[in-house]
């Protein structure tokens, strides 16, 4: 699965990569190199981050489903108990 970014996000990410190189590595890189680096990260590291997010969401949802009985359970046949 390829992670796709909107053009706006891709431009912001490319600018961020260029800024990182400038401020931390004291190197200037152009749009093409920054774009290629972004593409590499998305292809190589993106699936790991995506899979982690899916696993975290699955764990959270399973916790909510397991707790349904406690949060959504209503006692049955309680009419006569209230009298």
N, C-alpha and C. Protein backbone atom coordinates (compact mmCIF):
# COMPACT_ATOMS: atom_id res chain seq x y z
N UNK A 1 0.84 -1.17 0.00
CA UNK A 1 0.00 0.00 0.00
C UNK A 1 0.88 1.24 0.00
N UNK A 2 0.61 2.12 -0.89
CA UNK A 2 1.35 3.37 -0.96
C UNK A 2 0.60 4.45 -0.19
N UNK A 3 1.30 5.15 0.66
CA UNK A 3 0.70 6.24 1.41
C UNK A 3 0.74 7.48 0.53
N UNK A 4 -0.41 8.06 0.31
CA UNK A 4 -0.51 9.24 -0.55
C UNK A 4 -0.79 10.46 0.31
N UNK A 5 -0.13 11.55 -0.03
CA UNK A 5 -0.35 12.82 0.64
C UNK A 5 -0.98 13.80 -0.33
N UNK A 6 -1.74 14.74 0.20
CA UNK A 6 -2.28 15.78 -0.67
C UNK A 6 -1.12 16.66 -1.13
N UNK A 7 -1.32 17.38 -2.18
CA UNK A 7 -0.26 18.27 -2.71
C UNK A 7 0.18 19.27 -1.65
N UNK A 8 -0.79 19.80 -0.91
CA UNK A 8 -0.47 20.79 0.12
C UNK A 8 0.41 20.19 1.21
N UNK A 9 0.06 19.00 1.69
CA UNK A 9 0.84 18.34 2.72
C UNK A 9 2.22 17.95 2.18
N UNK A 10 2.26 17.48 0.95
CA UNK A 10 3.54 17.12 0.32
C UNK A 10 4.46 18.35 0.24
N UNK A 11 3.91 19.49 -0.12
CA UNK A 11 4.71 20.71 -0.19
C UNK A 11 5.22 21.12 1.19
N UNK A 12 4.36 21.01 2.20
CA UNK A 12 4.77 21.35 3.56
C UNK A 12 5.85 20.39 4.06
N UNK A 13 5.69 19.11 3.77
CA UNK A 13 6.68 18.12 4.19
C UNK A 13 8.02 18.35 3.49
N UNK A 14 7.98 18.64 2.21
CA UNK A 14 9.21 18.92 1.46
C UNK A 14 9.91 20.14 2.03
N UNK A 15 9.17 21.19 2.32
CA UNK A 15 9.75 22.40 2.91
C UNK A 15 10.34 22.09 4.29
N UNK A 16 9.67 21.22 5.06
CA UNK A 16 10.17 20.85 6.38
C UNK A 16 11.49 20.08 6.27
N UNK A 17 11.56 19.17 5.29
CA UNK A 17 12.81 18.42 5.06
C UNK A 17 13.93 19.38 4.68
N UNK A 18 13.65 20.33 3.82
CA UNK A 18 14.66 21.30 3.42
C UNK A 18 15.13 22.12 4.62
N UNK A 19 14.20 22.53 5.45
CA UNK A 19 14.56 23.29 6.65
C UNK A 19 15.41 22.46 7.60
N UNK A 20 15.04 21.18 7.78
CA UNK A 20 15.82 20.29 8.64
C UNK A 20 17.26 20.19 8.15
N UNK A 21 17.43 19.97 6.86
CA UNK A 21 18.77 19.87 6.30
C UNK A 21 19.55 21.15 6.51
N UNK A 22 18.90 22.27 6.32
CA UNK A 22 19.56 23.57 6.47
C UNK A 22 19.96 23.84 7.91
N UNK A 23 19.05 23.62 8.86
CA UNK A 23 19.30 23.97 10.25
C UNK A 23 20.14 22.94 11.01
N UNK A 24 19.95 21.66 10.71
CA UNK A 24 20.63 20.63 11.49
C UNK A 24 21.86 20.05 10.80
N UNK A 25 21.88 20.05 9.49
CA UNK A 25 23.00 19.47 8.76
C UNK A 25 23.81 20.53 8.01
N UNK A 26 23.33 21.77 8.09
CA UNK A 26 23.97 22.90 7.40
C UNK A 26 24.22 22.60 5.93
N UNK A 27 23.20 22.02 5.30
CA UNK A 27 23.23 21.73 3.87
C UNK A 27 21.93 22.22 3.25
N UNK A 28 22.06 22.77 2.07
CA UNK A 28 20.86 23.15 1.33
C UNK A 28 20.56 22.07 0.31
N UNK A 29 19.29 21.63 0.29
CA UNK A 29 18.88 20.67 -0.74
C UNK A 29 17.69 21.27 -1.47
N UNK A 30 17.60 20.93 -2.71
CA UNK A 30 16.53 21.47 -3.54
C UNK A 30 15.22 20.71 -3.39
N UNK A 31 14.24 21.19 -4.11
CA UNK A 31 12.91 20.59 -4.08
C UNK A 31 12.94 19.13 -4.51
N UNK A 32 13.68 18.82 -5.58
CA UNK A 32 13.71 17.47 -6.11
C UNK A 32 14.29 16.49 -5.09
N UNK A 33 15.43 16.84 -4.49
CA UNK A 33 16.05 15.95 -3.50
C UNK A 33 15.15 15.77 -2.27
N UNK A 34 14.55 16.86 -1.82
CA UNK A 34 13.66 16.77 -0.67
C UNK A 34 12.43 15.92 -1.00
N UNK A 35 11.91 16.06 -2.20
CA UNK A 35 10.76 15.28 -2.64
C UNK A 35 11.11 13.80 -2.74
N UNK A 36 12.28 13.49 -3.27
CA UNK A 36 12.73 12.10 -3.36
C UNK A 36 12.93 11.49 -1.98
N UNK A 37 13.46 12.27 -1.06
CA UNK A 37 13.66 11.78 0.30
C UNK A 37 12.31 11.52 0.97
N UNK A 38 11.36 12.42 0.77
CA UNK A 38 10.02 12.23 1.31
C UNK A 38 9.39 10.96 0.74
N UNK A 39 9.53 10.76 -0.56
CA UNK A 39 8.98 9.56 -1.20
C UNK A 39 9.62 8.30 -0.60
N UNK A 40 10.93 8.32 -0.38
CA UNK A 40 11.61 7.19 0.23
C UNK A 40 11.05 6.91 1.62
N UNK A 41 10.93 7.95 2.44
CA UNK A 41 10.41 7.76 3.80
C UNK A 41 8.99 7.20 3.78
N UNK A 42 8.16 7.72 2.89
CA UNK A 42 6.78 7.24 2.82
C UNK A 42 6.72 5.78 2.40
N UNK A 43 7.57 5.39 1.46
CA UNK A 43 7.57 4.00 0.99
C UNK A 43 8.23 3.05 1.98
N UNK A 44 9.32 3.49 2.59
CA UNK A 44 10.11 2.61 3.44
C UNK A 44 9.62 2.59 4.89
N UNK A 45 9.32 3.76 5.45
CA UNK A 45 8.94 3.86 6.86
C UNK A 45 7.44 4.04 7.07
N UNK A 46 6.78 4.59 6.08
CA UNK A 46 5.35 4.86 6.19
C UNK A 46 4.52 3.65 6.58
N UNK A 47 4.71 2.49 5.94
CA UNK A 47 3.92 1.32 6.32
C UNK A 47 4.10 0.91 7.78
N UNK A 48 5.29 1.06 8.32
CA UNK A 48 5.51 0.71 9.74
C UNK A 48 4.71 1.63 10.65
N UNK A 49 4.72 2.92 10.36
CA UNK A 49 3.96 3.88 11.17
C UNK A 49 2.46 3.63 10.99
N UNK A 50 2.04 3.37 9.78
CA UNK A 50 0.63 3.10 9.50
C UNK A 50 0.16 1.85 10.25
N UNK A 51 0.94 0.78 10.15
CA UNK A 51 0.58 -0.48 10.82
C UNK A 51 0.53 -0.30 12.33
N UNK A 52 1.44 0.50 12.88
CA UNK A 52 1.42 0.75 14.32
C UNK A 52 0.14 1.48 14.70
N UNK A 53 -0.26 2.47 13.88
CA UNK A 53 -1.49 3.21 14.14
C UNK A 53 -2.72 2.31 14.07
N UNK A 54 -2.74 1.41 13.10
CA UNK A 54 -3.86 0.47 12.98
C UNK A 54 -3.89 -0.45 14.20
N UNK A 55 -2.73 -0.96 14.62
CA UNK A 55 -2.67 -1.85 15.79
C UNK A 55 -3.13 -1.12 17.05
N UNK A 56 -2.70 0.13 17.21
CA UNK A 56 -3.13 0.91 18.37
C UNK A 56 -4.64 1.14 18.36
N UNK A 57 -5.18 1.46 17.19
CA UNK A 57 -6.63 1.68 17.07
C UNK A 57 -7.38 0.39 17.35
N UNK A 58 -6.86 -0.73 16.86
CA UNK A 58 -7.50 -2.02 17.08
C UNK A 58 -7.52 -2.37 18.57
N UNK A 59 -6.40 -2.14 19.25
CA UNK A 59 -6.33 -2.41 20.68
C UNK A 59 -7.33 -1.57 21.44
N UNK A 60 -7.41 -0.29 21.08
CA UNK A 60 -8.34 0.61 21.76
C UNK A 60 -9.79 0.19 21.51
N UNK A 61 -10.10 -0.16 20.27
CA UNK A 61 -11.46 -0.58 19.95
C UNK A 61 -11.81 -1.88 20.66
N UNK A 62 -10.88 -2.82 20.74
CA UNK A 62 -11.14 -4.08 21.43
C UNK A 62 -11.42 -3.81 22.91
N UNK A 63 -10.71 -2.85 23.49
CA UNK A 63 -10.96 -2.48 24.88
C UNK A 63 -12.36 -1.93 25.07
N UNK A 64 -12.79 -1.10 24.12
CA UNK A 64 -14.15 -0.54 24.21
C UNK A 64 -15.21 -1.63 24.02
N UNK A 65 -14.97 -2.54 23.09
CA UNK A 65 -15.92 -3.61 22.85
C UNK A 65 -16.00 -4.53 24.07
N UNK A 66 -14.87 -4.81 24.67
CA UNK A 66 -14.85 -5.67 25.86
C UNK A 66 -15.61 -5.02 27.01
N UNK A 67 -15.63 -3.70 27.04
CA UNK A 67 -16.27 -2.97 28.13
C UNK A 67 -17.74 -2.65 27.85
N UNK A 68 -18.25 -3.06 26.70
CA UNK A 68 -19.64 -2.76 26.35
C UNK A 68 -20.62 -3.28 27.39
N UNK A 69 -20.38 -4.47 27.89
CA UNK A 69 -21.28 -5.04 28.88
C UNK A 69 -21.36 -4.16 30.12
N UNK A 70 -20.23 -3.62 30.54
CA UNK A 70 -20.22 -2.79 31.73
C UNK A 70 -20.82 -1.42 31.53
N UNK A 71 -20.64 -0.85 30.36
CA UNK A 71 -21.11 0.51 30.13
C UNK A 71 -22.50 0.58 29.51
N UNK A 72 -22.91 -0.46 28.82
CA UNK A 72 -24.18 -0.40 28.10
C UNK A 72 -25.22 -1.39 28.61
N UNK A 73 -24.89 -2.16 29.60
CA UNK A 73 -25.83 -3.18 30.10
C UNK A 73 -26.92 -2.53 30.93
N UNK A 74 -28.12 -2.94 30.68
CA UNK A 74 -29.27 -2.50 31.45
C UNK A 74 -29.91 -3.73 32.08
N UNK A 75 -30.20 -3.68 33.35
CA UNK A 75 -30.86 -4.82 34.00
C UNK A 75 -32.25 -5.04 33.39
N UNK A 76 -32.63 -6.27 33.32
CA UNK A 76 -33.92 -6.62 32.72
C UNK A 76 -34.95 -6.92 33.81
N UNK A 77 -36.17 -6.74 33.46
CA UNK A 77 -37.30 -7.08 34.31
C UNK A 77 -37.18 -6.45 35.69
N UNK A 78 -37.05 -5.14 35.72
CA UNK A 78 -36.88 -4.43 36.99
C UNK A 78 -38.13 -3.66 37.41
N UNK A 79 -39.20 -3.80 36.66
CA UNK A 79 -40.42 -3.05 36.95
C UNK A 79 -40.87 -3.31 38.39
N UNK A 80 -40.92 -4.55 38.78
CA UNK A 80 -41.46 -4.90 40.10
C UNK A 80 -40.48 -4.57 41.22
N UNK A 81 -39.19 -4.48 40.90
CA UNK A 81 -38.20 -4.13 41.91
C UNK A 81 -38.37 -2.70 42.39
N UNK A 82 -38.87 -1.83 41.55
CA UNK A 82 -38.99 -0.41 41.88
C UNK A 82 -40.20 -0.12 42.77
N UNK A 83 -41.09 -1.03 42.90
CA UNK A 83 -42.31 -0.81 43.67
C UNK A 83 -42.12 -1.09 45.11
